[in-house]
Amino acid sequence: MTLRQLEVFLAVAEARSFRKAADTLALSQPALSQHVKELEGELGARVFDRLGRTVALTGAGRFLEGHARQVFAVLRDVKVGIGEMVGLQRGSLTLGSSTTPGIYVLPGLIERFRRAHPHIEVALQIANTGEIEERIGANRLDLGIVGGHIQEKGAICEEARLEDELVLIVPPRHPFFGRATIPPGRLKDERLIVREAGSATRQVTERLLHRAGVEVRVAMELGHTEAIKQGVMAGLGVAIVSSYAVRQEVRERRLSAVRLRGVPLRRHFHVIRHEAKHIAPATQAFLQLLQTAIGPAVLKKG
C-alpha cells in the first residue's frame, strides 16, 4: 500500500466520481482506476461500489477512509514539526562539558542561547574531560565543550574561539599575594594543589609547565575546582586554575591571581562531537554562538 494509492482513494471518496477525482489529481482516468485496482488487490476487498457514473464507499472503504485521513494528518504534523525544528521553533540540545567551562562559562552562554531560541530545550551534563569524551563516543551528547584535546575515536574536535588563561592563585598573607608576576623558578618551593587525573586543566597545566621547564611539587589532589579554591584559601597550598573560576574571589581579595613571568598559560576550549552524528539546526546555532564568544576572563585586582 502506497501513499499515492491512499491519496487517489481519498480523492475518489471525496468526489464520489472517478472522472472528477482524475481531474483533481491531473491523472488519466485509466491510471487512476489502476491505482484503485491495485489498492483493492492488496487489501483483498473492494473499497468502492460502482453505481453508474458515481461511486460509494463500501464498509471496507469507510474503515479505510478514517485511517487514511489519520495517516495524512500525521504526515502533515511531521512536516510542520520538522519545519519548526529547522526554523528553531522547537527541538532540544544536550550539551556535555568539563568542569571549568561547564560551571564558569557555559551558563551565561546558555542563557544567551535561550533568549535567542526560547523554544529549544537545553540540557547540560558536567563531568571531567575524559568522561565527556566517552559520552560523545557513545552518542549520548550533541556537543561536548572541554578544556583539553580529544582522545576518543569516532569524534571530531574543533577549537573554539573562546580562550582561557590559567593563573596561579595564592591566599592573603602569602608572599606572592598582590604581585602581578613571579619568576617561574619560585614555584618549585610551593605546595601545589591539583585536579584529579582526567581533568583537562591538570593535563594542560602539566604540559605547559613541562614545556617551559618549570618544576613543581604536588602536595594534594582534589576532585573539584571549588574544593581547590577552598584549600588555597585555607592555606593548604597554591594552585593553578582557570581565570574564569576565580574572578569573584580576586575581586573580593580573598585570592590573588599571579602569572608566571615569561610562561604563558593559555588554552582554547575545544568543541567535540560524534563524527557520524547529524548536526541538527539547534546544534549548529549553538556552535555559531560559541564561535562568537571571544577572549579570556579579565581579572582585576581589588
Protein backbone atom coordinates (compact mmCIF):
# COMPACT_ATOMS: atom_id res chain seq x y z
CA MET A 1 0.00 0.00 0.00
CA THR A 2 1.47 3.33 -1.08
CA LEU A 3 0.78 6.93 -0.14
CA ARG A 4 -0.15 7.59 -3.76
CA GLN A 5 -2.78 4.85 -3.63
CA LEU A 6 -4.23 6.35 -0.44
CA GLU A 7 -4.20 9.82 -2.00
CA VAL A 8 -6.13 8.51 -5.02
CA PHE A 9 -8.53 6.63 -2.75
CA LEU A 10 -9.35 9.77 -0.72
CA ALA A 11 -9.80 11.85 -3.86
CA VAL A 12 -12.33 9.37 -5.24
CA ALA A 13 -14.06 9.09 -1.84
CA GLU A 14 -14.49 12.86 -1.66
CA ALA A 15 -15.51 13.37 -5.31
CA ARG A 16 -17.71 10.23 -5.45
CA SER A 17 -16.56 10.02 -9.05
CA PHE A 18 -13.55 8.52 -10.81
CA ARG A 19 -13.64 11.20 -13.50
CA LYS A 20 -13.78 14.13 -11.09
CA ALA A 21 -11.04 12.62 -8.93
CA ALA A 22 -8.85 12.13 -12.01
CA ASP A 23 -9.32 15.80 -12.94
CA THR A 24 -8.43 16.89 -9.39
CA LEU A 25 -5.22 14.85 -9.37
CA ALA A 26 -4.33 15.61 -13.01
CA LEU A 27 -4.34 11.88 -13.80
CA SER A 28 -5.85 9.98 -16.68
CA GLN A 29 -8.90 8.01 -15.67
CA PRO A 30 -7.28 4.67 -16.61
CA ALA A 31 -4.25 5.50 -14.43
CA LEU A 32 -6.50 6.41 -11.51
CA SER A 33 -8.52 3.22 -11.94
CA GLN A 34 -5.30 1.20 -11.93
CA HIS A 35 -4.26 2.71 -8.58
CA VAL A 36 -7.65 1.78 -7.09
CA LYS A 37 -7.47 -1.73 -8.55
CA GLU A 38 -4.00 -2.30 -7.08
CA LEU A 39 -5.14 -0.98 -3.69
CA GLU A 40 -8.16 -3.29 -3.63
CA GLY A 41 -5.96 -6.20 -4.71
CA GLU A 42 -3.54 -5.58 -1.85
CA LEU A 43 -6.36 -5.23 0.69
CA GLY A 44 -8.28 -8.21 -0.67
CA ALA A 45 -11.52 -6.21 -0.53
CA ARG A 46 -13.45 -3.73 -2.62
CA VAL A 47 -13.45 -0.19 -1.29
CA PHE A 48 -15.92 1.31 -3.78
CA ASP A 49 -19.28 0.25 -5.16
CA ARG A 50 -19.57 1.44 -8.79
CA LEU A 51 -23.01 2.99 -9.28
CA GLY A 52 -23.02 4.13 -12.89
CA ARG A 53 -21.20 7.45 -13.07
CA THR A 54 -20.86 7.71 -9.28
CA VAL A 55 -19.26 5.55 -6.64
CA ALA A 56 -19.97 4.89 -2.96
CA LEU A 57 -17.75 3.60 -0.19
CA THR A 58 -18.15 0.01 0.91
CA GLY A 59 -17.84 -0.99 4.55
CA ALA A 60 -14.14 -1.67 3.98
CA GLY A 61 -13.86 1.67 2.22
CA ARG A 62 -15.39 3.57 5.14
CA PHE A 63 -12.98 1.82 7.52
CA LEU A 64 -10.02 2.68 5.27
CA GLU A 65 -11.11 6.31 4.88
CA GLY A 66 -10.78 7.10 8.59
CA HIS A 67 -7.33 5.55 8.82
CA ALA A 68 -6.11 7.11 5.59
CA ARG A 69 -7.05 10.57 6.86
CA GLN A 70 -5.11 9.84 10.07
CA VAL A 71 -2.05 8.85 8.01
CA PHE A 72 -2.05 12.15 6.13
CA ALA A 73 -2.71 14.11 9.32
CA VAL A 74 0.38 12.52 10.90
CA LEU A 75 2.43 13.33 7.80
CA ARG A 76 1.29 16.96 7.96
CA ASP A 77 2.31 17.10 11.62
CA VAL A 78 5.72 15.64 10.76
CA LYS A 79 6.25 18.19 8.01
CA VAL A 80 5.23 21.08 10.27
CA GLY A 81 7.34 19.76 13.15
CA ILE A 82 10.46 19.35 11.07
CA GLY A 83 9.90 22.79 9.59
CA GLU A 84 9.73 24.21 13.10
CA MET A 85 12.94 22.42 14.07
CA VAL A 86 14.74 23.79 11.04
CA GLY A 87 13.41 27.22 11.96
CA LEU A 88 14.44 26.65 15.62
CA GLN A 89 10.84 26.84 16.79
CA ARG A 90 11.19 23.53 18.59
CA GLY A 91 13.87 20.99 19.38
CA SER A 92 16.38 20.02 22.04
CA LEU A 93 20.11 20.27 22.66
CA THR A 94 22.12 18.10 25.06
CA LEU A 95 25.50 19.54 25.98
CA GLY A 96 28.32 17.95 27.89
CA SER A 97 31.11 19.94 29.48
CA SER A 98 34.19 19.55 31.58
CA THR A 99 34.13 21.31 34.93
CA THR A 100 35.65 24.69 34.13
CA PRO A 101 33.56 25.66 31.07
CA GLY A 102 30.51 23.87 32.48
CA ILE A 103 30.41 25.82 35.73
CA TYR A 104 32.01 29.15 34.90
CA VAL A 105 31.43 29.78 31.17
CA LEU A 106 28.50 27.87 29.69
CA PRO A 107 25.67 29.02 31.99
CA GLY A 108 25.96 32.56 30.62
CA LEU A 109 26.19 31.32 27.02
CA ILE A 110 23.19 29.02 27.51
CA GLU A 111 21.20 31.96 28.87
CA ARG A 112 22.07 33.95 25.71
CA PHE A 113 21.11 30.97 23.54
CA ARG A 114 17.75 30.52 25.29
CA ARG A 115 16.89 34.19 24.91
CA ALA A 116 17.55 33.89 21.17
CA HIS A 117 15.83 30.49 20.83
CA PRO A 118 13.27 30.16 23.66
CA HIS A 119 11.60 27.05 22.19
CA ILE A 120 14.75 24.90 22.27
CA GLU A 121 15.16 22.74 25.39
CA VAL A 122 18.77 22.73 26.60
CA ALA A 123 20.31 20.18 28.99
CA LEU A 124 23.86 20.36 30.37
CA GLN A 125 25.87 17.44 31.80
CA ILE A 126 29.10 18.22 33.67
CA ALA A 127 31.92 15.72 34.15
CA ASN A 128 35.67 15.66 33.64
CA THR A 129 37.06 15.76 30.12
CA GLY A 130 37.64 12.01 29.85
CA GLU A 131 34.03 11.22 30.76
CA ILE A 132 32.64 13.82 28.34
CA GLU A 133 34.75 12.31 25.55
CA GLU A 134 33.33 8.86 26.36
CA ARG A 135 29.75 10.15 26.24
CA ILE A 136 30.39 11.79 22.88
CA GLY A 137 31.81 8.49 21.57
CA ALA A 138 28.68 6.70 22.86
CA ASN A 139 26.47 9.26 21.01
CA ARG A 140 24.83 10.42 24.25
CA LEU A 141 25.56 14.12 23.70
CA ASP A 142 25.08 16.57 20.84
CA LEU A 143 28.19 18.57 21.73
CA GLY A 144 30.97 18.47 24.28
CA ILE A 145 32.90 21.54 25.42
CA VAL A 146 36.17 20.68 27.13
CA GLY A 147 39.47 22.28 28.05
CA GLY A 148 41.77 19.56 26.67
CA HIS A 149 42.34 17.63 23.48
CA ILE A 150 40.16 14.87 22.12
CA GLN A 151 41.23 11.26 22.71
CA GLU A 152 38.13 9.26 21.83
CA LYS A 153 37.90 7.55 18.45
CA GLY A 154 34.93 8.41 16.24
CA ALA A 155 34.75 12.02 17.38
CA ILE A 156 35.61 15.34 15.78
CA CYS A 157 37.42 18.03 17.75
CA GLU A 158 37.26 21.72 16.85
CA GLU A 159 38.99 24.62 18.57
CA ALA A 160 36.52 27.20 19.86
CA ARG A 161 37.48 30.85 19.77
CA LEU A 162 36.75 31.00 23.49
CA GLU A 163 40.11 31.47 25.22
CA ASP A 164 41.05 30.64 28.79
CA GLU A 165 44.05 31.71 30.87
CA LEU A 166 45.39 29.59 33.72
CA VAL A 167 46.70 31.54 36.70
CA LEU A 168 48.47 30.77 39.95
CA ILE A 169 46.22 31.51 42.93
CA VAL A 170 47.54 32.29 46.40
CA PRO A 171 45.79 33.28 49.65
CA PRO A 172 46.12 36.53 51.61
CA ARG A 173 49.34 36.76 53.67
CA HIS A 174 51.16 34.66 51.07
CA PRO A 175 54.38 36.33 49.86
CA PHE A 176 53.06 36.32 46.29
CA PHE A 177 49.72 37.95 47.19
CA GLY A 178 49.12 41.11 45.17
CA ARG A 179 52.03 40.53 42.81
CA ALA A 180 51.36 40.62 39.07
CA THR A 181 54.06 38.08 38.19
CA ILE A 182 56.69 35.86 39.79
CA PRO A 183 59.76 34.09 38.35
CA PRO A 184 58.73 30.55 37.28
CA GLY A 185 61.51 29.03 39.38
CA ARG A 186 59.81 30.23 42.58
CA LEU A 187 57.05 27.69 42.01
CA LYS A 188 59.23 24.67 42.87
CA ASP A 189 59.23 25.66 46.55
CA GLU A 190 55.42 25.81 46.77
CA ARG A 191 52.98 23.07 47.71
CA LEU A 192 50.79 22.68 44.61
CA ILE A 193 47.16 21.53 44.81
CA VAL A 194 46.00 19.89 41.56
CA ARG A 195 42.86 18.41 39.99
CA GLU A 196 42.29 14.68 39.58
CA ALA A 197 43.65 12.61 36.69
CA GLY A 198 41.43 13.06 33.63
CA SER A 199 41.00 16.77 34.26
CA ALA A 200 41.83 18.91 31.23
CA THR A 201 43.06 21.73 33.48
CA ARG A 202 45.61 19.38 35.04
CA GLN A 203 46.68 17.94 31.68
CA VAL A 204 47.14 21.36 30.09
CA THR A 205 48.95 22.77 33.14
CA GLU A 206 51.40 19.86 33.31
CA ARG A 207 52.09 20.05 29.57
CA LEU A 208 52.71 23.82 29.56
CA LEU A 209 54.89 23.76 32.68
CA HIS A 210 56.94 20.83 31.38
CA ARG A 211 57.42 22.60 28.05
CA ALA A 212 58.71 25.68 29.94
CA GLY A 213 60.98 23.59 32.17
CA VAL A 214 59.14 24.59 35.36
CA GLU A 215 59.42 22.12 38.26
CA VAL A 216 56.54 21.71 40.70
CA ARG A 217 55.85 19.74 43.87
CA VAL A 218 52.35 18.25 44.05
CA ALA A 219 51.11 18.29 47.64
CA MET A 220 47.44 17.40 47.22
CA GLU A 221 44.95 16.19 44.62
CA LEU A 222 41.31 17.34 44.78
CA GLY A 223 38.43 16.46 42.51
CA HIS A 224 36.85 19.86 42.02
CA THR A 225 37.98 23.42 41.36
CA GLU A 226 35.79 24.76 44.16
CA ALA A 227 37.49 22.40 46.61
CA ILE A 228 40.88 23.57 45.35
CA LYS A 229 39.94 27.24 45.89
CA GLN A 230 38.83 26.48 49.44
CA GLY A 231 42.06 24.57 50.06
CA VAL A 232 44.15 27.53 48.87
CA MET A 233 42.18 29.99 50.99
CA ALA A 234 42.71 27.67 53.98
CA GLY A 235 46.48 27.81 53.43
CA LEU A 236 46.95 24.22 52.27
CA GLY A 237 48.94 25.28 49.23
CA VAL A 238 48.73 27.15 45.95
CA ALA A 239 47.09 26.07 42.70
CA ILE A 240 46.88 26.81 39.01
CA VAL A 241 43.26 27.19 37.86
CA SER A 242 41.22 28.84 35.16
CA SER A 243 40.91 32.61 35.40
CA TYR A 244 37.16 32.13 34.88
CA ALA A 245 36.98 30.20 38.16
CA VAL A 246 38.38 32.91 40.44
CA ARG A 247 37.00 36.20 39.14
CA GLN A 248 34.83 36.82 42.19
CA GLU A 249 37.45 35.78 44.75
CA VAL A 250 40.06 38.03 43.11
CA ARG A 251 37.65 40.99 43.07
CA GLU A 252 36.94 40.42 46.77
CA ARG A 253 40.69 39.94 47.53
CA ARG A 254 40.11 36.52 49.04
CA LEU A 255 42.61 35.20 46.49
CA SER A 256 45.26 36.76 44.30
CA ALA A 257 45.90 35.67 40.70
CA VAL A 258 49.58 35.65 39.77
CA ARG A 259 51.16 34.96 36.39
CA LEU A 260 54.44 33.13 35.82
CA ARG A 261 56.84 35.56 34.18
CA GLY A 262 57.60 34.52 30.61
CA VAL A 263 55.39 31.39 30.78
CA PRO A 264 52.03 31.96 29.05
CA LEU A 265 49.45 29.55 30.44
CA ARG A 266 46.71 29.94 27.85
CA ARG A 267 44.44 27.50 26.11
CA HIS A 268 41.37 27.41 23.91
CA PHE A 269 38.34 25.41 24.88
CA HIS A 270 37.56 22.62 22.43
CA VAL A 271 34.24 21.50 20.99
CA ILE A 272 33.81 17.80 20.31
CA ARG A 273 31.04 15.92 18.55
CA HIS A 274 30.45 12.47 17.12
CA GLU A 275 31.71 12.32 13.55
CA ALA A 276 28.67 10.34 12.33
CA LYS A 277 26.03 12.40 14.13
CA HIS A 278 23.91 14.74 12.03
CA ILE A 279 24.34 18.38 13.03
CA ALA A 280 20.80 19.49 13.86
CA PRO A 281 19.80 23.15 13.49
CA ALA A 282 19.86 23.72 17.25
CA THR A 283 23.37 22.26 17.46
CA GLN A 284 24.54 24.44 14.58
CA ALA A 285 23.08 27.54 16.23
CA PHE A 286 24.94 26.82 19.48
CA LEU A 287 28.18 26.21 17.58
CA GLN A 288 27.81 29.63 15.99
CA LEU A 289 27.29 31.18 19.43
CA LEU A 290 30.44 29.51 20.74
CA GLN A 291 32.47 30.91 17.88
CA THR A 292 31.39 34.45 18.77
CA ALA A 293 32.36 34.12 22.46
CA ILE A 294 35.90 35.50 22.28
CA GLY A 295 38.52 36.27 24.87
CA PRO A 296 39.67 35.12 28.32
CA ALA A 297 38.28 36.22 31.64
CA VAL A 298 39.59 39.60 32.73
CA LEU A 299 40.97 39.61 36.25
CA LYS A 300 41.10 42.88 38.14
CA LYS A 301 42.93 43.40 41.37
CA GLY A 302 40.66 44.62 44.15
